[in-house]
Amino acid sequence: MVNYIPYIADKISEEITSVRPVSGGDISSAYRVVTVKREYFLKVNNASFALKMFHAEQKGLQTIEETKTIAVPHVHLVDTMEGHSFLLMDYVESKRPDTSDYQRLGSQLARLHQCSQAGFGFSSDNFIGSLPQHNNLHPDWPEFYWSERILPQLQMALKGGLIQPQIIPNENKTISLFREISGDVKPSLLHGDLWGGNYLIAADGTPYLIDPAVYWGHSMVDIAMSRLFGGFSPAFYDTYHEVIPKSSHYDTQIELYQLYYLIVHLNLFGSGYYSSVASILKRYF
């Protein structure tokens, strides 16, 4: 840390008075940086792909920030020095959510999802965790979800010896099912990795999204991920669905959109996630 703290201080033109490790860095090391003016959250990573990953995170946060629908920490610096890449953003003092906080989070996420554009994907690729996430633009959601989400992760799992070829479903059958359950989908701006650790409620009750894997997709993808590991109250869902109602295929959408994240976890963490992936594939395909 001591080698590049002066470099960061020079870049932001502020005197840094303290740096201490904090939780919240599953992939990267994380620090709370205090200057004479404010507090920052610093991520540091020495992986070969870290600078690219931090630039992608910066772009995702800025894309959400520009919608003015829900808060994100503002990014002040992405840079690299002596083999270490770092991302410096606002530090958000957080609190335990209450019912009204969850209601605000649900309402503001729905407003984010009401932002739309012409196609599905994003202007650049990014990451899901530490894995690459491809965002080539498609006019059709089911084809995007198969080609850019499910198939690449299945191919990665196959290459890693985590699944067998026979478990990979037929492309046409899969796309047809995705089309049946999704209906007429308009592209929504997604957080892309909305589990319970990727939002904060600030001390004043303001919801913040962090660690996005942004792209334009079906709004239900964020809802499906939010239900995979818990961490969201019924008030969040009730308020969200007052704005964006549930479809008749709600439960199926939840499972098939969770499939992507389960295969990602299979690739990241190993065979402990195999049974969950295989169960969904066998049930639907």
C-alpha atoms as a PDB file:
ATOM      1  CA  MET A   1       0.000   0.000   0.000  1.00  0.00           C
ATOM      2  CA  VAL A   2       2.676   2.531   0.941  1.00  0.00           C
ATOM      3  CA  ASN A   3       4.135   2.661  -2.575  1.00  0.00           C
ATOM      4  CA  TYR A   4       1.057   3.893  -4.395  1.00  0.00           C
ATOM      5  CA  ILE A   5      -0.825   5.822  -1.705  1.00  0.00           C
ATOM      6  CA  PRO A   6       1.288   8.933  -2.421  1.00  0.00           C
ATOM      7  CA  TYR A   7       0.571   8.398  -6.118  1.00  0.00           C
ATOM      8  CA  ILE A   8      -3.196   8.311  -5.461  1.00  0.00           C
ATOM      9  CA  ALA A   9      -2.958  11.361  -3.199  1.00  0.00           C
ATOM     10  CA  ASP A  10      -1.203  13.242  -5.975  1.00  0.00           C
ATOM     11  CA  LYS A  11      -3.796  12.163  -8.546  1.00  0.00           C
ATOM     12  CA  ILE A  12      -6.755  13.374  -6.460  1.00  0.00           C
ATOM     13  CA  SER A  13      -4.872  16.393  -5.070  1.00  0.00           C
ATOM     14  CA  GLU A  14      -5.793  15.526  -1.487  1.00  0.00           C
ATOM     15  CA  GLU A  15      -3.718  14.621   1.559  1.00  0.00           C
ATOM     16  CA  ILE A  16      -4.440  11.067   2.698  1.00  0.00           C
ATOM     17  CA  THR A  17      -4.519  10.816   6.487  1.00  0.00           C
ATOM     18  CA  SER A  18      -5.324   7.123   6.972  1.00  0.00           C
ATOM     19  CA  VAL A  19      -5.806   3.852   5.076  1.00  0.00           C
ATOM     20  CA  ARG A  20      -7.261   0.759   6.695  1.00  0.00           C
ATOM     21  CA  PRO A  21      -8.525  -2.588   5.359  1.00  0.00           C
ATOM     22  CA  VAL A  22     -12.290  -3.178   5.266  1.00  0.00           C
ATOM     23  CA  SER A  23     -14.544  -6.075   4.323  1.00  0.00           C
ATOM     24  CA  GLY A  24     -16.241  -6.134   0.961  1.00  0.00           C
ATOM     25  CA  GLY A  25     -13.394  -7.230  -1.270  1.00  0.00           C
ATOM     26  CA  ASP A  26     -14.201 -10.797  -2.359  1.00  0.00           C
ATOM     27  CA  ILE A  27     -12.183 -10.459  -5.568  1.00  0.00           C
ATOM     28  CA  SER A  28     -10.010  -7.469  -4.684  1.00  0.00           C
ATOM     29  CA  SER A  29      -8.482  -6.096  -1.495  1.00  0.00           C
ATOM     30  CA  ALA A  30     -10.572  -3.245  -0.096  1.00  0.00           C
ATOM     31  CA  TYR A  31      -9.624  -0.213   1.982  1.00  0.00           C
ATOM     32  CA  ARG A  32     -11.217   2.813   3.581  1.00  0.00           C
ATOM     33  CA  VAL A  33      -9.167   5.844   2.614  1.00  0.00           C
ATOM     34  CA  VAL A  34      -9.555   9.040   4.638  1.00  0.00           C
ATOM     35  CA  THR A  35      -8.327  12.385   3.334  1.00  0.00           C
ATOM     36  CA  VAL A  36      -8.521  15.875   4.743  1.00  0.00           C
ATOM     37  CA  LYS A  37     -11.698  16.399   2.680  1.00  0.00           C
ATOM     38  CA  ARG A  38     -13.637  13.133   2.549  1.00  0.00           C
ATOM     39  CA  GLU A  39     -13.611   9.322   2.690  1.00  0.00           C
ATOM     40  CA  TYR A  40     -13.078   6.952  -0.211  1.00  0.00           C
ATOM     41  CA  PHE A  41     -13.459   3.238  -0.883  1.00  0.00           C
ATOM     42  CA  LEU A  42     -10.395   1.767  -2.585  1.00  0.00           C
ATOM     43  CA  LYS A  43     -10.154  -1.565  -4.399  1.00  0.00           C
ATOM     44  CA  VAL A  44      -6.736  -3.006  -5.246  1.00  0.00           C
ATOM     45  CA  ASN A  45      -6.010  -6.038  -7.419  1.00  0.00           C
ATOM     46  CA  ASN A  46      -2.809  -7.345  -9.018  1.00  0.00           C
ATOM     47  CA  ALA A  47      -4.434  -9.813 -11.465  1.00  0.00           C
ATOM     48  CA  SER A  48      -3.538  -9.392 -15.135  1.00  0.00           C
ATOM     49  CA  PHE A  49      -7.149  -8.512 -15.989  1.00  0.00           C
ATOM     50  CA  ALA A  50      -7.702  -6.170 -13.016  1.00  0.00           C
ATOM     51  CA  LEU A  51      -7.363  -2.856 -14.844  1.00  0.00           C
ATOM     52  CA  LYS A  52      -9.812  -3.999 -17.509  1.00  0.00           C
ATOM     53  CA  MET A  53     -12.181  -5.216 -14.777  1.00  0.00           C
ATOM     54  CA  PHE A  54     -12.012  -1.891 -12.915  1.00  0.00           C
ATOM     55  CA  HIS A  55     -12.606   0.105 -16.091  1.00  0.00           C
ATOM     56  CA  ALA A  56     -15.655  -2.072 -16.783  1.00  0.00           C
ATOM     57  CA  GLU A  57     -16.925  -1.487 -13.237  1.00  0.00           C
ATOM     58  CA  GLN A  58     -16.400   2.252 -13.650  1.00  0.00           C
ATOM     59  CA  LYS A  59     -18.346   2.250 -16.913  1.00  0.00           C
ATOM     60  CA  GLY A  60     -21.189   0.266 -15.345  1.00  0.00           C
ATOM     61  CA  LEU A  61     -21.444   2.574 -12.347  1.00  0.00           C
ATOM     62  CA  GLN A  62     -21.354   5.656 -14.563  1.00  0.00           C
ATOM     63  CA  THR A  63     -24.060   4.219 -16.833  1.00  0.00           C
ATOM     64  CA  ILE A  64     -26.354   3.695 -13.849  1.00  0.00           C
ATOM     65  CA  GLU A  65     -25.411   7.088 -12.400  1.00  0.00           C
ATOM     66  CA  GLU A  66     -26.368   8.855 -15.631  1.00  0.00           C
ATOM     67  CA  THR A  67     -29.954   7.517 -15.435  1.00  0.00           C
ATOM     68  CA  LYS A  68     -30.549   9.463 -12.176  1.00  0.00           C
ATOM     69  CA  THR A  69     -32.840   6.653 -11.011  1.00  0.00           C
ATOM     70  CA  ILE A  70     -30.819   5.099  -8.179  1.00  0.00           C
ATOM     71  CA  ALA A  71     -27.596   6.080  -6.459  1.00  0.00           C
ATOM     72  CA  VAL A  72     -24.179   4.531  -7.004  1.00  0.00           C
ATOM     73  CA  PRO A  73     -20.803   5.504  -5.542  1.00  0.00           C
ATOM     74  CA  HIS A  74     -19.101   8.021  -7.810  1.00  0.00           C
ATOM     75  CA  VAL A  75     -15.816   6.768  -9.255  1.00  0.00           C
ATOM     76  CA  HIS A  76     -12.906   9.203  -8.897  1.00  0.00           C
ATOM     77  CA  LEU A  77      -9.956   7.229 -10.235  1.00  0.00           C
ATOM     78  CA  VAL A  78      -9.045   4.036 -12.065  1.00  0.00           C
ATOM     79  CA  ASP A  79      -5.325   3.537 -12.589  1.00  0.00           C
ATOM     80  CA  THR A  80      -2.405   1.148 -12.232  1.00  0.00           C
ATOM     81  CA  MET A  81       1.054   1.319 -10.684  1.00  0.00           C
ATOM     82  CA  GLU A  82       3.806  -1.246 -10.099  1.00  0.00           C
ATOM     83  CA  GLY A  83       1.603  -4.153 -11.184  1.00  0.00           C
ATOM     84  CA  HIS A  84      -1.320  -3.163  -8.969  1.00  0.00           C
ATOM     85  CA  SER A  85      -4.550  -1.794 -10.407  1.00  0.00           C
ATOM     86  CA  PHE A  86      -6.898   0.243  -8.278  1.00  0.00           C
ATOM     87  CA  LEU A  87     -10.335   1.807  -8.303  1.00  0.00           C
ATOM     88  CA  LEU A  88     -11.183   4.739  -6.014  1.00  0.00           C
ATOM     89  CA  MET A  89     -14.794   5.678  -5.368  1.00  0.00           C
ATOM     90  CA  ASP A  90     -16.987   7.341  -2.759  1.00  0.00           C
ATOM     91  CA  TYR A  91     -17.182   5.593   0.594  1.00  0.00           C
ATOM     92  CA  VAL A  92     -20.808   4.990   1.628  1.00  0.00           C
ATOM     93  CA  GLU A  93     -21.505   4.693   5.346  1.00  0.00           C
ATOM     94  CA  SER A  94     -24.229   2.051   5.481  1.00  0.00           C
ATOM     95  CA  LYS A  95     -26.855   0.854   7.940  1.00  0.00           C
ATOM     96  CA  ARG A  96     -29.144  -2.130   8.370  1.00  0.00           C
ATOM     97  CA  PRO A  97     -32.202  -1.675   6.091  1.00  0.00           C
ATOM     98  CA  ASP A  98     -35.697  -1.184   7.474  1.00  0.00           C
ATOM     99  CA  THR A  99     -38.997  -1.632   5.611  1.00  0.00           C
ATOM    100  CA  SER A 100     -39.027   1.859   4.144  1.00  0.00           C
ATOM    101  CA  ASP A 101     -35.455   1.387   2.885  1.00  0.00           C
ATOM    102  CA  TYR A 102     -36.445  -1.791   1.056  1.00  0.00           C
ATOM    103  CA  GLN A 103     -39.428   0.011  -0.425  1.00  0.00           C
ATOM    104  CA  ARG A 104     -37.176   2.766  -1.773  1.00  0.00           C
ATOM    105  CA  LEU A 105     -34.779   0.178  -3.160  1.00  0.00           C
ATOM    106  CA  GLY A 106     -37.618  -1.651  -4.930  1.00  0.00           C
ATOM    107  CA  SER A 107     -39.103   1.532  -6.339  1.00  0.00           C
ATOM    108  CA  GLN A 108     -35.784   2.900  -7.563  1.00  0.00           C
ATOM    109  CA  LEU A 109     -34.679  -0.401  -9.094  1.00  0.00           C
ATOM    110  CA  ALA A 110     -37.972  -0.471 -11.025  1.00  0.00           C
ATOM    111  CA  ARG A 111     -37.229   3.042 -12.282  1.00  0.00           C
ATOM    112  CA  LEU A 112     -33.791   1.858 -13.432  1.00  0.00           C
ATOM    113  CA  HIS A 113     -35.448  -1.035 -15.263  1.00  0.00           C
ATOM    114  CA  GLN A 114     -37.786   1.373 -17.039  1.00  0.00           C
ATOM    115  CA  CYS A 115     -34.754   2.845 -18.832  1.00  0.00           C
ATOM    116  CA  SER A 116     -34.643   1.267 -22.280  1.00  0.00           C
ATOM    117  CA  GLN A 117     -32.862   1.249 -25.623  1.00  0.00           C
ATOM    118  CA  ALA A 118     -33.148  -0.509 -28.993  1.00  0.00           C
ATOM    119  CA  GLY A 119     -31.196  -3.744 -28.379  1.00  0.00           C
ATOM    120  CA  PHE A 120     -29.994  -6.281 -25.822  1.00  0.00           C
ATOM    121  CA  GLY A 121     -26.382  -6.231 -24.662  1.00  0.00           C
ATOM    122  CA  PHE A 122     -23.996  -3.395 -23.921  1.00  0.00           C
ATOM    123  CA  SER A 123     -21.481  -1.172 -25.665  1.00  0.00           C
ATOM    124  CA  SER A 124     -18.589  -3.221 -24.264  1.00  0.00           C
ATOM    125  CA  ASP A 125     -17.907  -6.520 -22.545  1.00  0.00           C
ATOM    126  CA  ASN A 126     -17.492  -6.671 -18.774  1.00  0.00           C
ATOM    127  CA  PHE A 127     -17.227  -9.217 -15.967  1.00  0.00           C
ATOM    128  CA  ILE A 128     -19.484 -11.366 -13.833  1.00  0.00           C
ATOM    129  CA  GLY A 129     -17.405 -11.818 -10.705  1.00  0.00           C
ATOM    130  CA  SER A 130     -13.948 -12.438 -12.145  1.00  0.00           C
ATOM    131  CA  LEU A 131     -15.280 -14.196 -15.267  1.00  0.00           C
ATOM    132  CA  PRO A 132     -15.649 -12.480 -18.635  1.00  0.00           C
ATOM    133  CA  GLN A 133     -19.197 -11.506 -19.604  1.00  0.00           C
ATOM    134  CA  HIS A 134     -19.841 -10.918 -23.304  1.00  0.00           C
ATOM    135  CA  ASN A 135     -22.346  -8.245 -24.307  1.00  0.00           C
ATOM    136  CA  ASN A 136     -22.590  -8.391 -28.093  1.00  0.00           C
ATOM    137  CA  LEU A 137     -25.757  -6.590 -29.136  1.00  0.00           C
ATOM    138  CA  HIS A 138     -28.765  -8.620 -30.283  1.00  0.00           C
ATOM    139  CA  PRO A 139     -32.217  -7.422 -31.364  1.00  0.00           C
ATOM    140  CA  ASP A 140     -33.774 -10.511 -29.757  1.00  0.00           C
ATOM    141  CA  TRP A 141     -33.673 -11.274 -26.014  1.00  0.00           C
ATOM    142  CA  PRO A 142     -33.927 -15.112 -26.163  1.00  0.00           C
ATOM    143  CA  GLU A 143     -31.049 -15.291 -28.652  1.00  0.00           C
ATOM    144  CA  PHE A 144     -28.988 -12.902 -26.533  1.00  0.00           C
ATOM    145  CA  TYR A 145     -29.622 -14.879 -23.349  1.00  0.00           C
ATOM    146  CA  TRP A 146     -28.590 -18.139 -25.007  1.00  0.00           C
ATOM    147  CA  SER A 147     -25.645 -16.852 -27.073  1.00  0.00           C
ATOM    148  CA  GLU A 148     -24.122 -14.364 -24.622  1.00  0.00           C
ATOM    149  CA  ARG A 149     -25.057 -15.848 -21.261  1.00  0.00           C
ATOM    150  CA  ILE A 150     -25.953 -19.547 -21.038  1.00  0.00           C
ATOM    151  CA  LEU A 151     -23.871 -21.080 -23.857  1.00  0.00           C
ATOM    152  CA  PRO A 152     -20.513 -19.401 -22.997  1.00  0.00           C
ATOM    153  CA  GLN A 153     -20.797 -20.472 -19.359  1.00  0.00           C
ATOM    154  CA  LEU A 154     -21.756 -24.038 -20.318  1.00  0.00           C
ATOM    155  CA  GLN A 155     -18.780 -24.177 -22.691  1.00  0.00           C
ATOM    156  CA  MET A 156     -16.506 -22.941 -19.909  1.00  0.00           C
ATOM    157  CA  ALA A 157     -17.866 -25.586 -17.534  1.00  0.00           C
ATOM    158  CA  LEU A 158     -17.399 -28.275 -20.195  1.00  0.00           C
ATOM    159  CA  LYS A 159     -13.810 -27.201 -20.823  1.00  0.00           C
ATOM    160  CA  GLY A 160     -13.161 -27.257 -17.077  1.00  0.00           C
ATOM    161  CA  GLY A 161     -14.516 -30.792 -16.732  1.00  0.00           C
ATOM    162  CA  LEU A 162     -17.401 -29.633 -14.549  1.00  0.00           C
ATOM    163  CA  ILE A 163     -20.168 -30.923 -16.837  1.00  0.00           C
ATOM    164  CA  GLN A 164     -20.513 -33.555 -19.560  1.00  0.00           C
ATOM    165  CA  PRO A 165     -21.493 -32.763 -23.186  1.00  0.00           C
ATOM    166  CA  GLN A 166     -24.853 -34.529 -22.951  1.00  0.00           C
ATOM    167  CA  ILE A 167     -26.117 -32.066 -20.351  1.00  0.00           C
ATOM    168  CA  ILE A 168     -25.900 -29.113 -22.774  1.00  0.00           C
ATOM    169  CA  PRO A 169     -29.411 -28.518 -24.183  1.00  0.00           C
ATOM    170  CA  ASN A 170     -30.364 -28.139 -27.835  1.00  0.00           C
ATOM    171  CA  GLU A 171     -29.991 -24.530 -28.987  1.00  0.00           C
ATOM    172  CA  ASN A 172     -33.281 -24.258 -30.893  1.00  0.00           C
ATOM    173  CA  LYS A 173     -35.290 -25.879 -28.102  1.00  0.00           C
ATOM    174  CA  THR A 174     -33.681 -23.634 -25.518  1.00  0.00           C
ATOM    175  CA  ILE A 175     -34.233 -20.403 -27.438  1.00  0.00           C
ATOM    176  CA  SER A 176     -37.827 -21.441 -28.109  1.00  0.00           C
ATOM    177  CA  LEU A 177     -38.458 -21.926 -24.377  1.00  0.00           C
ATOM    178  CA  PHE A 178     -36.807 -18.606 -23.542  1.00  0.00           C
ATOM    179  CA  ARG A 179     -39.062 -16.930 -26.100  1.00  0.00           C
ATOM    180  CA  GLU A 180     -42.162 -18.599 -24.657  1.00  0.00           C
ATOM    181  CA  ILE A 181     -41.481 -17.521 -21.071  1.00  0.00           C
ATOM    182  CA  SER A 182     -40.189 -14.016 -21.769  1.00  0.00           C
ATOM    183  CA  GLY A 183     -42.897 -12.698 -24.096  1.00  0.00           C
ATOM    184  CA  ASP A 184     -42.485  -9.248 -25.620  1.00  0.00           C
ATOM    185  CA  VAL A 185     -39.459  -8.014 -23.658  1.00  0.00           C
ATOM    186  CA  LYS A 186     -38.180  -4.472 -23.860  1.00  0.00           C
ATOM    187  CA  PRO A 187     -34.504  -3.984 -22.978  1.00  0.00           C
ATOM    188  CA  SER A 188     -34.049  -2.747 -19.407  1.00  0.00           C
ATOM    189  CA  LEU A 189     -30.852  -1.410 -17.904  1.00  0.00           C
ATOM    190  CA  LEU A 190     -29.788  -4.111 -15.443  1.00  0.00           C
ATOM    191  CA  HIS A 191     -27.441  -4.124 -12.492  1.00  0.00           C
ATOM    192  CA  GLY A 192     -26.549  -7.589 -13.734  1.00  0.00           C
ATOM    193  CA  ASP A 193     -25.361  -9.185 -10.469  1.00  0.00           C
ATOM    194  CA  LEU A 194     -27.966  -8.168  -7.909  1.00  0.00           C
ATOM    195  CA  TRP A 195     -27.352 -10.376  -4.896  1.00  0.00           C
ATOM    196  CA  GLY A 196     -27.654  -9.190  -1.290  1.00  0.00           C
ATOM    197  CA  GLY A 197     -24.029  -8.068  -1.093  1.00  0.00           C
ATOM    198  CA  ASN A 198     -24.302  -5.689  -4.041  1.00  0.00           C
ATOM    199  CA  TYR A 199     -26.511  -3.001  -2.583  1.00  0.00           C
ATOM    200  CA  LEU A 200     -26.087  -0.687   0.394  1.00  0.00           C
ATOM    201  CA  ILE A 201     -28.490   1.455   2.358  1.00  0.00           C
ATOM    202  CA  ALA A 202     -26.708   4.653   3.330  1.00  0.00           C
ATOM    203  CA  ALA A 203     -27.038   6.063   6.835  1.00  0.00           C
ATOM    204  CA  ASP A 204     -29.631   8.559   5.519  1.00  0.00           C
ATOM    205  CA  GLY A 205     -31.703   5.767   3.915  1.00  0.00           C
ATOM    206  CA  THR A 206     -30.520   6.248   0.332  1.00  0.00           C
ATOM    207  CA  PRO A 207     -30.204   2.945  -1.591  1.00  0.00           C
ATOM    208  CA  TYR A 208     -26.940   2.430  -3.478  1.00  0.00           C
ATOM    209  CA  LEU A 209     -26.046  -0.205  -6.057  1.00  0.00           C
ATOM    210  CA  ILE A 210     -22.442  -1.450  -6.117  1.00  0.00           C
ATOM    211  CA  ASP A 211     -20.338  -3.948  -8.121  1.00  0.00           C
ATOM    212  CA  PRO A 212     -22.526  -3.988 -11.248  1.00  0.00           C
ATOM    213  CA  ALA A 213     -22.254  -6.209 -14.319  1.00  0.00           C
ATOM    214  CA  VAL A 214     -24.352  -3.833 -16.406  1.00  0.00           C
ATOM    215  CA  TYR A 215     -26.138  -4.585 -19.661  1.00  0.00           C
ATOM    216  CA  TRP A 216     -29.522  -4.156 -21.344  1.00  0.00           C
ATOM    217  CA  GLY A 217     -31.673  -7.247 -20.759  1.00  0.00           C
ATOM    218  CA  HIS A 218     -34.904  -8.588 -19.296  1.00  0.00           C
ATOM    219  CA  SER A 219     -35.691  -6.854 -16.004  1.00  0.00           C
ATOM    220  CA  MET A 220     -36.534 -10.201 -14.410  1.00  0.00           C
ATOM    221  CA  VAL A 221     -32.854 -11.198 -14.511  1.00  0.00           C
ATOM    222  CA  ASP A 222     -32.113  -8.848 -11.596  1.00  0.00           C
ATOM    223  CA  ILE A 223     -35.142 -10.109  -9.684  1.00  0.00           C
ATOM    224  CA  ALA A 224     -34.111 -13.729 -10.253  1.00  0.00           C
ATOM    225  CA  MET A 225     -30.605 -13.097  -8.942  1.00  0.00           C
ATOM    226  CA  SER A 226     -31.963 -11.232  -5.929  1.00  0.00           C
ATOM    227  CA  ARG A 227     -33.965 -14.348  -4.989  1.00  0.00           C
ATOM    228  CA  LEU A 228     -31.089 -16.809  -5.376  1.00  0.00           C
ATOM    229  CA  PHE A 229     -29.281 -16.179  -2.086  1.00  0.00           C
ATOM    230  CA  GLY A 230     -31.764 -13.979  -0.186  1.00  0.00           C
ATOM    231  CA  GLY A 231     -31.033 -10.624   1.402  1.00  0.00           C
ATOM    232  CA  PHE A 232     -34.116  -8.744   0.181  1.00  0.00           C
ATOM    233  CA  SER A 233     -37.340  -8.291   2.136  1.00  0.00           C
ATOM    234  CA  PRO A 234     -40.925  -8.853   0.910  1.00  0.00           C
ATOM    235  CA  ALA A 235     -41.362  -5.050   0.952  1.00  0.00           C
ATOM    236  CA  PHE A 236     -38.701  -4.773  -1.762  1.00  0.00           C
ATOM    237  CA  TYR A 237     -40.580  -7.155  -4.073  1.00  0.00           C
ATOM    238  CA  ASP A 238     -44.022  -5.742  -3.299  1.00  0.00           C
ATOM    239  CA  THR A 239     -42.926  -2.208  -4.140  1.00  0.00           C
ATOM    240  CA  TYR A 240     -41.003  -3.279  -7.235  1.00  0.00           C
ATOM    241  CA  HIS A 241     -43.934  -5.230  -8.660  1.00  0.00           C
ATOM    242  CA  GLU A 242     -46.326  -2.346  -8.115  1.00  0.00           C
ATOM    243  CA  VAL A 243     -44.329  -0.675 -10.885  1.00  0.00           C
ATOM    244  CA  ILE A 244     -43.381  -3.730 -12.978  1.00  0.00           C
ATOM    245  CA  PRO A 245     -46.032  -6.437 -12.464  1.00  0.00           C
ATOM    246  CA  LYS A 246     -45.295 -10.154 -12.365  1.00  0.00           C
ATOM    247  CA  SER A 247     -45.911 -12.110 -15.561  1.00  0.00           C
ATOM    248  CA  SER A 248     -47.770 -15.426 -15.806  1.00  0.00           C
ATOM    249  CA  HIS A 249     -44.358 -17.132 -16.254  1.00  0.00           C
ATOM    250  CA  TYR A 250     -42.837 -15.520 -13.164  1.00  0.00           C
ATOM    251  CA  ASP A 251     -41.650 -18.678 -11.378  1.00  0.00           C
ATOM    252  CA  THR A 252     -40.198 -20.189 -14.565  1.00  0.00           C
ATOM    253  CA  GLN A 253     -38.404 -16.942 -15.357  1.00  0.00           C
ATOM    254  CA  ILE A 254     -36.894 -16.968 -11.879  1.00  0.00           C
ATOM    255  CA  GLU A 255     -35.460 -20.459 -12.339  1.00  0.00           C
ATOM    256  CA  LEU A 256     -34.224 -20.032 -15.901  1.00  0.00           C
ATOM    257  CA  TYR A 257     -32.570 -16.692 -15.146  1.00  0.00           C
ATOM    258  CA  GLN A 258     -31.011 -18.106 -11.985  1.00  0.00           C
ATOM    259  CA  LEU A 259     -29.527 -20.807 -14.210  1.00  0.00           C
ATOM    260  CA  TYR A 260     -26.987 -18.331 -15.571  1.00  0.00           C
ATOM    261  CA  TYR A 261     -25.751 -17.377 -12.112  1.00  0.00           C
ATOM    262  CA  LEU A 262     -25.622 -20.987 -10.979  1.00  0.00           C
ATOM    263  CA  ILE A 263     -23.415 -21.941 -13.937  1.00  0.00           C
ATOM    264  CA  VAL A 264     -21.245 -18.902 -13.165  1.00  0.00           C
ATOM    265  CA  HIS A 265     -20.894 -20.134  -9.574  1.00  0.00           C
ATOM    266  CA  LEU A 266     -20.113 -23.624 -10.874  1.00  0.00           C
ATOM    267  CA  ASN A 267     -17.276 -22.155 -12.935  1.00  0.00           C
ATOM    268  CA  LEU A 268     -16.037 -19.933 -10.105  1.00  0.00           C
ATOM    269  CA  PHE A 269     -16.368 -22.245  -7.116  1.00  0.00           C
ATOM    270  CA  GLY A 270     -16.559 -25.775  -8.455  1.00  0.00           C
ATOM    271  CA  SER A 271     -18.721 -28.879  -8.356  1.00  0.00           C
ATOM    272  CA  GLY A 272     -20.760 -27.896  -5.302  1.00  0.00           C
ATOM    273  CA  TYR A 273     -23.082 -26.071  -7.687  1.00  0.00           C
ATOM    274  CA  TYR A 274     -23.386 -28.932 -10.187  1.00  0.00           C
ATOM    275  CA  SER A 275     -26.562 -30.451  -8.768  1.00  0.00           C
ATOM    276  CA  SER A 276     -28.407 -27.114  -8.902  1.00  0.00           C
ATOM    277  CA  VAL A 277     -27.369 -26.567 -12.530  1.00  0.00           C
ATOM    278  CA  ALA A 278     -28.180 -30.143 -13.571  1.00  0.00           C
ATOM    279  CA  SER A 279     -31.562 -30.041 -11.829  1.00  0.00           C
ATOM    280  CA  ILE A 280     -32.746 -27.014 -13.823  1.00  0.00           C
ATOM    281  CA  LEU A 281     -31.358 -28.322 -17.125  1.00  0.00           C
ATOM    282  CA  LYS A 282     -33.010 -31.723 -16.664  1.00  0.00           C
ATOM    283  CA  ARG A 283     -36.331 -30.197 -15.578  1.00  0.00           C
ATOM    284  CA  TYR A 284     -36.700 -27.870 -18.544  1.00  0.00           C
ATOM    285  CA  PHE A 285     -34.662 -29.465 -21.329  1.00  0.00           C
END
